[in-house]
Amino acid sequence: MDTIIILGSMVMVCVYMMTLYFYNKSKQIEKNRSDIMIKAVTAFHQHKLNIAYNYFQKAYKLSLKSSDLENTAESLYYMALILKSNGKPDSAMEFLNESLHYYEKIGNEEGIEKIYSHITEIKN
């Protein structure tokens, strides 16, 4: 009987440790994604567009993997702005449309409006 109690306790400790490990790992991934997004937006506002674009690409991939649709849409939006400012309106339009898809999916009206504003601007 004591052996069963000891084994049960050991199993519970192992399950707890595994749960704690995966929880901490998910928090670290979330922090990394947030850090990359902050670096991307900072570089964008400092007009370091190539650096910003690379960070937004990383943020996009991480956000997509983790089903973070808000940051997925934002990353695409900023990449579109960079492409637009680099004289690539067709590529920018593709990114804007993909961003629009995610904004619509999560019901972000503000995001939808800003996308339509840029789409209209590119078409004119």
Protein backbone atom coordinates (compact mmCIF):
# COMPACT_ATOMS: atom_id res chain seq x y z
CA MET A 1 0.00 0.00 0.00
CA ASP A 2 2.82 2.42 0.88
CA THR A 3 4.47 1.66 -2.46
CA ILE A 4 1.30 2.63 -4.33
CA ILE A 5 1.07 5.91 -2.42
CA ILE A 6 4.73 6.70 -3.11
CA LEU A 7 4.38 5.85 -6.82
CA GLY A 8 1.20 7.93 -7.05
CA SER A 9 2.96 10.87 -5.42
CA MET A 10 5.90 10.55 -7.81
CA VAL A 11 3.55 10.51 -10.81
CA MET A 12 1.76 13.61 -9.52
CA VAL A 13 5.08 15.42 -9.04
CA CYS A 14 6.16 14.47 -12.59
CA VAL A 15 2.87 15.69 -14.06
CA TYR A 16 3.17 18.95 -12.11
CA MET A 17 6.76 19.48 -13.28
CA MET A 18 5.83 18.82 -16.91
CA THR A 19 2.88 21.21 -16.67
CA LEU A 20 5.10 23.88 -15.14
CA TYR A 21 7.76 23.36 -17.81
CA PHE A 22 5.32 23.74 -20.71
CA TYR A 23 3.60 26.71 -19.08
CA ASN A 24 6.94 28.50 -18.68
CA LYS A 25 7.94 27.60 -22.23
CA SER A 26 4.70 29.06 -23.62
CA LYS A 27 5.22 32.26 -21.60
CA GLN A 28 8.76 32.57 -22.99
CA ILE A 29 7.51 32.16 -26.56
CA GLU A 30 4.87 34.83 -25.93
CA LYS A 31 7.51 37.18 -24.48
CA ASN A 32 9.81 36.60 -27.47
CA ARG A 33 6.96 37.38 -29.87
CA SER A 34 6.15 40.58 -27.96
CA ASP A 35 9.81 41.61 -27.87
CA ILE A 36 10.14 41.12 -31.62
CA MET A 37 6.98 43.13 -32.26
CA ILE A 38 8.28 45.98 -30.09
CA LYS A 39 11.61 45.97 -31.95
CA ALA A 40 9.77 45.96 -35.27
CA VAL A 41 7.52 48.92 -34.42
CA THR A 42 10.46 50.84 -32.94
CA ALA A 43 12.56 50.31 -36.08
CA PHE A 44 9.56 51.32 -38.22
CA HIS A 45 9.11 54.60 -36.36
CA GLN A 46 12.86 55.25 -36.62
CA HIS A 47 12.51 54.82 -40.41
CA LYS A 48 14.82 51.77 -40.37
CA LEU A 49 12.49 50.04 -42.77
CA ASN A 50 14.66 47.07 -43.79
CA ILE A 51 15.28 46.18 -40.15
CA ALA A 52 11.61 46.70 -39.32
CA TYR A 53 10.52 44.51 -42.24
CA ASN A 54 12.74 41.66 -41.05
CA TYR A 55 11.36 41.91 -37.52
CA PHE A 56 7.78 42.04 -38.80
CA GLN A 57 8.44 38.90 -40.85
CA LYS A 58 9.65 37.12 -37.71
CA ALA A 59 6.70 38.40 -35.69
CA TYR A 60 4.32 37.30 -38.45
CA LYS A 61 5.69 33.76 -38.49
CA LEU A 62 5.62 33.44 -34.69
CA SER A 63 2.14 34.94 -34.45
CA LEU A 64 0.80 32.65 -37.14
CA LYS A 65 2.26 29.59 -35.39
CA SER A 66 0.64 30.54 -32.12
CA SER A 67 -2.69 31.57 -33.70
CA ASP A 68 -2.26 35.17 -32.48
CA LEU A 69 -4.39 36.69 -35.22
CA GLU A 70 -4.13 40.26 -33.90
CA ASN A 71 -0.33 40.35 -34.21
CA THR A 72 -0.51 38.39 -37.46
CA ALA A 73 -2.73 41.11 -38.95
CA GLU A 74 -0.58 43.92 -37.51
CA SER A 75 2.64 42.40 -38.86
CA LEU A 76 1.14 42.08 -42.33
CA TYR A 77 -0.20 45.64 -42.13
CA TYR A 78 3.20 47.11 -41.30
CA MET A 79 4.95 45.01 -43.94
CA ALA A 80 2.43 46.39 -46.45
CA LEU A 81 3.23 49.96 -45.38
CA ILE A 82 6.94 49.30 -45.84
CA LEU A 83 6.38 47.77 -49.28
CA LYS A 84 4.15 50.70 -50.23
CA SER A 85 6.80 53.22 -49.16
CA ASN A 86 9.42 51.25 -51.13
CA GLY A 87 7.38 51.69 -54.32
CA LYS A 88 5.90 48.18 -54.44
CA PRO A 89 2.15 48.83 -54.46
CA ASP A 90 1.19 45.41 -55.87
CA SER A 91 3.02 43.56 -53.10
CA ALA A 92 1.65 46.00 -50.54
CA MET A 93 -1.88 45.31 -51.80
CA GLU A 94 -1.38 41.55 -51.31
CA PHE A 95 -0.26 42.07 -47.72
CA LEU A 96 -3.09 44.51 -47.05
CA ASN A 97 -5.66 42.01 -48.32
CA GLU A 98 -4.21 39.23 -46.17
CA SER A 99 -4.15 41.56 -43.17
CA LEU A 100 -7.75 42.51 -43.89
CA HIS A 101 -8.69 38.83 -43.81
CA TYR A 102 -7.32 38.47 -40.26
CA TYR A 103 -8.83 41.75 -39.05
CA GLU A 104 -12.23 40.63 -40.35
CA LYS A 105 -11.80 37.22 -38.76
CA ILE A 106 -11.27 38.77 -35.30
CA GLY A 107 -13.76 41.60 -35.85
CA ASN A 108 -11.26 44.43 -35.43
CA GLU A 109 -13.17 47.36 -36.95
CA GLU A 110 -10.32 49.84 -36.46
CA GLY A 111 -7.94 47.51 -38.30
CA ILE A 112 -10.44 47.00 -41.11
CA GLU A 113 -10.86 50.78 -41.54
CA LYS A 114 -7.13 51.47 -41.73
CA ILE A 115 -6.68 48.68 -44.28
CA TYR A 116 -9.46 50.05 -46.51
CA SER A 117 -7.91 53.51 -46.24
CA HIS A 118 -4.59 52.23 -47.59
CA ILE A 119 -6.23 50.08 -50.26
CA THR A 120 -8.15 53.13 -51.51
CA GLU A 121 -4.96 55.20 -51.47
CA ILE A 122 -3.06 52.61 -53.52
CA LYS A 123 -5.89 52.24 -56.06
CA ASN A 124 -6.00 56.01 -56.67
